[in-house]
Each structure stands twice: as C-alpha cells, then as structure tokens.
Amino acid sequence: MSVTSATELKLISEFSNSEIQAVGNLETEIKFGSIEIRKAIKVMIKSNMSNVEIEELLEEGDFKAKYGSLEIKNVKNTMTRLVIDGEFSPIDIDIEEGASFNARLRSSMAKLKVPDLDWKKEEKEMNSAYYEGSFGQSSDNKLWITTSFGTVKLDF
C-alpha cells in the first residue's frame, strides 16, 4: 500500500508492506510486514514481526515493537514526546541537535548505546542498563525507551 499524503490515518496491516510520504496523525498496527514513513507529525505504532522506518518525526511518537526493527532517522528538535517499548527488536534513533527533553532509558538483556553525556543517573550491569537525565533547555518533553533482548542505539 502506498499513501502520498494524509492528515489523519488509521491502518491495520498484516503480511504487507506500506509506504507513506507524509502524514499528520498516524495510528497503525502492523504484523508480519513493514512500514516506511517519510515524514510524520504524530505516530502511534504497534508492530509485531515487522520493520518500521521513519525518515522524519516532528512531534510525538509512541511505539510498541516486538520481533522487528525500529529506525527513526531524524527526530526533529520540535519533539515533545517519544516513548518506545521494544522486545527482541533493534532500535536506532537519531535526535536532531537542539532538542530538549527528559530522558529515561532502560534495557534488560540488551545493549544500550547512548552518547557520553552528563547523565543524572547511570547504572550499568552486565546485561542491563538505566540512564536518566535532562538535556537542552528546561522542558516537559519526554524520551522514554524500555527494551529487552534488543540493541538500542541513540544519537543526539
């Protein structure tokens, strides 16, 4: 399925691949397929055995990913909320310079690769990690990532 532009889109997809050029508000559930999004303002994506790739995320993202991959190539500094819950899923997130947010990152039986910053709280064990901190200007924006059995790579 291919969508050029939509203000609001609800999508349930199984055993198929989807491409979306531009979307304002997306709510989708994907099983056994993939979705590629060029530009989105707000997304809520639940994926199972699927790959999710987003070129540009402008404001909000809520993701639940199981047994697939999640890649967001450019989270704009206008982001207000990014919440990711991953299981058995590699996650790769690049956040644009100048973003402000409060971060809580937790991994269990997974690697968590984060920038070497002045984290308020940093706990690392053999197969788990927890990071907490505030970055940029004071804000209520949040970046929460929880993962198990999948590598998380975060750049900003």
C-alpha atoms as a PDB file:
ATOM      1  CA  MET A   1       0.000   0.000   0.000  1.00  0.00           C
ATOM      2  CA  SER A   2       1.234   3.491  -0.794  1.00  0.00           C
ATOM      3  CA  VAL A   3      -0.060   6.812   0.597  1.00  0.00           C
ATOM      4  CA  THR A   4       1.142  10.167  -0.702  1.00  0.00           C
ATOM      5  CA  SER A   5      -0.374  12.430   1.955  1.00  0.00           C
ATOM      6  CA  ALA A   6      -2.885  12.178   4.793  1.00  0.00           C
ATOM      7  CA  THR A   7      -3.928  14.441   7.639  1.00  0.00           C
ATOM      8  CA  GLU A   8      -5.121  11.529   9.770  1.00  0.00           C
ATOM      9  CA  LEU A   9      -4.664   7.834   9.044  1.00  0.00           C
ATOM     10  CA  LYS A  10      -5.627   4.634  10.879  1.00  0.00           C
ATOM     11  CA  LEU A  11      -4.131   1.499   9.396  1.00  0.00           C
ATOM     12  CA  ILE A  12      -4.166  -2.205  10.219  1.00  0.00           C
ATOM     13  CA  SER A  13      -1.728  -4.154   8.085  1.00  0.00           C
ATOM     14  CA  GLU A  14      -0.832  -7.856   8.005  1.00  0.00           C
ATOM     15  CA  PHE A  15       1.601  -9.621   5.681  1.00  0.00           C
ATOM     16  CA  SER A  16       2.172  -6.485   3.605  1.00  0.00           C
ATOM     17  CA  ASN A  17       4.475  -3.533   3.118  1.00  0.00           C
ATOM     18  CA  SER A  18       3.298   0.076   3.381  1.00  0.00           C
ATOM     19  CA  GLU A  19       4.826   3.380   2.288  1.00  0.00           C
ATOM     20  CA  ILE A  20       3.638   6.776   3.491  1.00  0.00           C
ATOM     21  CA  GLN A  21       5.123  10.002   2.164  1.00  0.00           C
ATOM     22  CA  ALA A  22       3.557  12.479   4.635  1.00  0.00           C
ATOM     23  CA  VAL A  23       1.098  12.049   7.489  1.00  0.00           C
ATOM     24  CA  GLY A  24      -0.161  14.321  10.247  1.00  0.00           C
ATOM     25  CA  ASN A  25      -1.525  11.805  12.742  1.00  0.00           C
ATOM     26  CA  LEU A  26      -0.943   8.072  12.217  1.00  0.00           C
ATOM     27  CA  GLU A  27      -2.263   5.192  14.284  1.00  0.00           C
ATOM     28  CA  THR A  28      -1.294   1.760  12.995  1.00  0.00           C
ATOM     29  CA  GLU A  29      -0.891  -1.870  13.883  1.00  0.00           C
ATOM     30  CA  ILE A  30       1.457  -3.912  11.698  1.00  0.00           C
ATOM     31  CA  LYS A  31       2.047  -7.661  11.723  1.00  0.00           C
ATOM     32  CA  PHE A  32       4.478  -9.593   9.535  1.00  0.00           C
ATOM     33  CA  GLY A  33       5.371  -6.731   7.195  1.00  0.00           C
ATOM     34  CA  SER A  34       6.995  -3.318   7.067  1.00  0.00           C
ATOM     35  CA  ILE A  35       6.163   0.355   7.014  1.00  0.00           C
ATOM     36  CA  GLU A  36       8.260   3.210   5.656  1.00  0.00           C
ATOM     37  CA  ILE A  37       7.262   6.768   6.511  1.00  0.00           C
ATOM     38  CA  ARG A  38       8.988   9.779   5.019  1.00  0.00           C
ATOM     39  CA  LYS A  39       7.535  12.492   7.285  1.00  0.00           C
ATOM     40  CA  ALA A  40       5.125  12.323  10.235  1.00  0.00           C
ATOM     41  CA  ILE A  41       3.933  14.717  12.911  1.00  0.00           C
ATOM     42  CA  LYS A  42       2.427  12.246  15.410  1.00  0.00           C
ATOM     43  CA  VAL A  43       2.519   8.460  15.279  1.00  0.00           C
ATOM     44  CA  MET A  44       1.305   5.582  17.389  1.00  0.00           C
ATOM     45  CA  ILE A  45       2.656   2.314  16.013  1.00  0.00           C
ATOM     46  CA  LYS A  46       2.264  -1.192  17.348  1.00  0.00           C
ATOM     47  CA  SER A  47       4.382  -3.645  15.372  1.00  0.00           C
ATOM     48  CA  ASN A  48       4.890  -7.382  15.603  1.00  0.00           C
ATOM     49  CA  MET A  49       7.400  -9.245  13.419  1.00  0.00           C
ATOM     50  CA  SER A  50       7.671  -6.063  11.334  1.00  0.00           C
ATOM     51  CA  ASN A  51      10.188  -3.403  10.376  1.00  0.00           C
ATOM     52  CA  VAL A  52       9.389   0.271  10.943  1.00  0.00           C
ATOM     53  CA  GLU A  53      11.421   3.050   9.321  1.00  0.00           C
ATOM     54  CA  ILE A  54      10.703   6.765   9.684  1.00  0.00           C
ATOM     55  CA  GLU A  55      12.737   9.450   7.934  1.00  0.00           C
ATOM     56  CA  GLU A  56      11.423  12.452   9.925  1.00  0.00           C
ATOM     57  CA  LEU A  57       9.356  12.589  13.138  1.00  0.00           C
ATOM     58  CA  LEU A  58       8.256  16.097  14.069  1.00  0.00           C
ATOM     59  CA  GLU A  59       6.386  15.986  17.403  1.00  0.00           C
ATOM     60  CA  GLU A  60       5.234  12.740  19.009  1.00  0.00           C
ATOM     61  CA  GLY A  61       5.877   9.040  18.752  1.00  0.00           C
ATOM     62  CA  ASP A  62       4.519   6.111  20.711  1.00  0.00           C
ATOM     63  CA  PHE A  63       5.931   2.731  19.668  1.00  0.00           C
ATOM     64  CA  LYS A  64       5.496  -0.843  20.796  1.00  0.00           C
ATOM     65  CA  ALA A  65       7.805  -3.098  18.782  1.00  0.00           C
ATOM     66  CA  LYS A  66       8.139  -6.875  19.110  1.00  0.00           C
ATOM     67  CA  TYR A  67      10.394  -9.071  16.959  1.00  0.00           C
ATOM     68  CA  GLY A  68      11.129  -6.454  14.324  1.00  0.00           C
ATOM     69  CA  SER A  69      13.228  -3.325  13.917  1.00  0.00           C
ATOM     70  CA  LEU A  70      12.566   0.352  14.565  1.00  0.00           C
ATOM     71  CA  GLU A  71      14.609   3.111  12.941  1.00  0.00           C
ATOM     72  CA  ILE A  72      13.890   6.829  13.200  1.00  0.00           C
ATOM     73  CA  LYS A  73      16.483   8.669  11.148  1.00  0.00           C
ATOM     74  CA  ASN A  74      15.649  12.210  12.280  1.00  0.00           C
ATOM     75  CA  VAL A  75      13.624  13.086  15.362  1.00  0.00           C
ATOM     76  CA  LYS A  76      13.252  16.844  14.971  1.00  0.00           C
ATOM     77  CA  ASN A  77      14.110  19.192  17.831  1.00  0.00           C
ATOM     78  CA  THR A  78      10.385  20.065  17.926  1.00  0.00           C
ATOM     79  CA  MET A  79       9.729  16.652  19.518  1.00  0.00           C
ATOM     80  CA  THR A  80       7.525  16.739  22.624  1.00  0.00           C
ATOM     81  CA  ARG A  81       7.134  13.027  23.366  1.00  0.00           C
ATOM     82  CA  LEU A  82       8.879   9.847  22.265  1.00  0.00           C
ATOM     83  CA  VAL A  83       8.006   6.630  24.094  1.00  0.00           C
ATOM     84  CA  ILE A  84       9.325   3.273  22.893  1.00  0.00           C
ATOM     85  CA  ASP A  85       8.720  -0.189  24.312  1.00  0.00           C
ATOM     86  CA  GLY A  86      10.737  -2.831  22.475  1.00  0.00           C
ATOM     87  CA  GLU A  87      11.164  -6.584  22.782  1.00  0.00           C
ATOM     88  CA  PHE A  88      13.588  -8.584  20.628  1.00  0.00           C
ATOM     89  CA  SER A  89      13.852  -5.510  18.374  1.00  0.00           C
ATOM     90  CA  PRO A  90      16.902  -3.473  17.390  1.00  0.00           C
ATOM     91  CA  ILE A  91      16.125   0.231  17.796  1.00  0.00           C
ATOM     92  CA  ASP A  92      18.085   3.048  16.127  1.00  0.00           C
ATOM     93  CA  ILE A  93      17.125   6.661  16.909  1.00  0.00           C
ATOM     94  CA  ASP A  94      18.809   9.899  15.785  1.00  0.00           C
ATOM     95  CA  ILE A  95      17.627  13.086  17.514  1.00  0.00           C
ATOM     96  CA  GLU A  96      18.280  16.455  15.917  1.00  0.00           C
ATOM     97  CA  GLU A  97      20.687  18.808  17.653  1.00  0.00           C
ATOM     98  CA  GLY A  98      18.969  21.376  19.879  1.00  0.00           C
ATOM     99  CA  ALA A  99      16.218  19.081  21.165  1.00  0.00           C
ATOM    100  CA  SER A 100      15.183  19.457  24.809  1.00  0.00           C
ATOM    101  CA  PHE A 101      13.856  16.514  26.782  1.00  0.00           C
ATOM    102  CA  ASN A 102      13.820  14.492  29.973  1.00  0.00           C
ATOM    103  CA  ALA A 103      15.141  11.002  29.254  1.00  0.00           C
ATOM    104  CA  ARG A 104      14.632   7.637  30.913  1.00  0.00           C
ATOM    105  CA  LEU A 105      16.265   4.720  29.134  1.00  0.00           C
ATOM    106  CA  ARG A 106      16.128   1.151  30.417  1.00  0.00           C
ATOM    107  CA  SER A 107      17.415  -2.076  28.897  1.00  0.00           C
ATOM    108  CA  SER A 108      17.244  -5.662  30.086  1.00  0.00           C
ATOM    109  CA  MET A 109      19.265  -8.413  28.408  1.00  0.00           C
ATOM    110  CA  ALA A 110      20.068  -5.833  25.741  1.00  0.00           C
ATOM    111  CA  LYS A 111      22.762  -3.332  24.798  1.00  0.00           C
ATOM    112  CA  LEU A 112      22.034   0.354  25.202  1.00  0.00           C
ATOM    113  CA  LYS A 113      24.372   2.582  23.186  1.00  0.00           C
ATOM    114  CA  VAL A 114      23.965   6.222  24.202  1.00  0.00           C
ATOM    115  CA  PRO A 115      26.062   9.386  23.850  1.00  0.00           C
ATOM    116  CA  ASP A 116      28.590  10.061  26.600  1.00  0.00           C
ATOM    117  CA  LEU A 117      26.738  12.884  28.342  1.00  0.00           C
ATOM    118  CA  ASP A 118      26.265  14.186  31.848  1.00  0.00           C
ATOM    119  CA  TRP A 119      23.538  11.730  32.866  1.00  0.00           C
ATOM    120  CA  LYS A 120      21.817  12.443  36.192  1.00  0.00           C
ATOM    121  CA  LYS A 121      21.632   8.717  36.882  1.00  0.00           C
ATOM    122  CA  GLU A 122      23.597   5.987  35.138  1.00  0.00           C
ATOM    123  CA  GLU A 123      23.508   2.320  36.127  1.00  0.00           C
ATOM    124  CA  LYS A 124      25.212  -0.373  34.065  1.00  0.00           C
ATOM    125  CA  GLU A 125      25.366  -4.083  34.705  1.00  0.00           C
ATOM    126  CA  MET A 126      26.456  -6.956  32.517  1.00  0.00           C
ATOM    127  CA  ASN A 127      23.188  -7.272  30.550  1.00  0.00           C
ATOM    128  CA  SER A 128      21.163  -4.270  31.629  1.00  0.00           C
ATOM    129  CA  ALA A 129      21.399  -0.506  31.912  1.00  0.00           C
ATOM    130  CA  TYR A 130      19.448   2.517  33.106  1.00  0.00           C
ATOM    131  CA  TYR A 131      20.032   6.149  32.172  1.00  0.00           C
ATOM    132  CA  GLU A 132      18.163   9.222  33.341  1.00  0.00           C
ATOM    133  CA  GLY A 133      18.782  12.880  32.605  1.00  0.00           C
ATOM    134  CA  SER A 134      17.537  16.211  31.292  1.00  0.00           C
ATOM    135  CA  PHE A 135      19.015  17.747  28.172  1.00  0.00           C
ATOM    136  CA  GLY A 136      18.664  21.055  26.384  1.00  0.00           C
ATOM    137  CA  GLN A 137      16.573  23.828  27.824  1.00  0.00           C
ATOM    138  CA  SER A 138      14.177  23.067  30.673  1.00  0.00           C
ATOM    139  CA  SER A 139      11.089  21.355  29.279  1.00  0.00           C
ATOM    140  CA  ASP A 140       8.395  18.755  29.893  1.00  0.00           C
ATOM    141  CA  ASN A 141       9.309  16.874  26.698  1.00  0.00           C
ATOM    142  CA  LYS A 142       9.980  13.223  27.326  1.00  0.00           C
ATOM    143  CA  LEU A 143      12.089  10.497  25.799  1.00  0.00           C
ATOM    144  CA  TRP A 144      11.389   7.125  27.384  1.00  0.00           C
ATOM    145  CA  ILE A 145      12.818   3.911  25.987  1.00  0.00           C
ATOM    146  CA  THR A 146      12.398   0.473  27.537  1.00  0.00           C
ATOM    147  CA  THR A 147      13.770  -2.583  25.784  1.00  0.00           C
ATOM    148  CA  SER A 148      14.564  -6.231  26.372  1.00  0.00           C
ATOM    149  CA  PHE A 149      16.562  -8.541  24.136  1.00  0.00           C
ATOM    150  CA  GLY A 150      17.308  -5.906  21.518  1.00  0.00           C
ATOM    151  CA  THR A 151      20.081  -3.356  20.993  1.00  0.00           C
ATOM    152  CA  VAL A 152      19.225   0.343  21.267  1.00  0.00           C
ATOM    153  CA  LYS A 153      21.406   2.924  19.541  1.00  0.00           C
ATOM    154  CA  LEU A 154      20.613   6.538  20.407  1.00  0.00           C
ATOM    155  CA  ASP A 155      22.370   9.578  18.922  1.00  0.00           C
ATOM    156  CA  PHE A 156      21.787  13.265  19.617  1.00  0.00           C
END
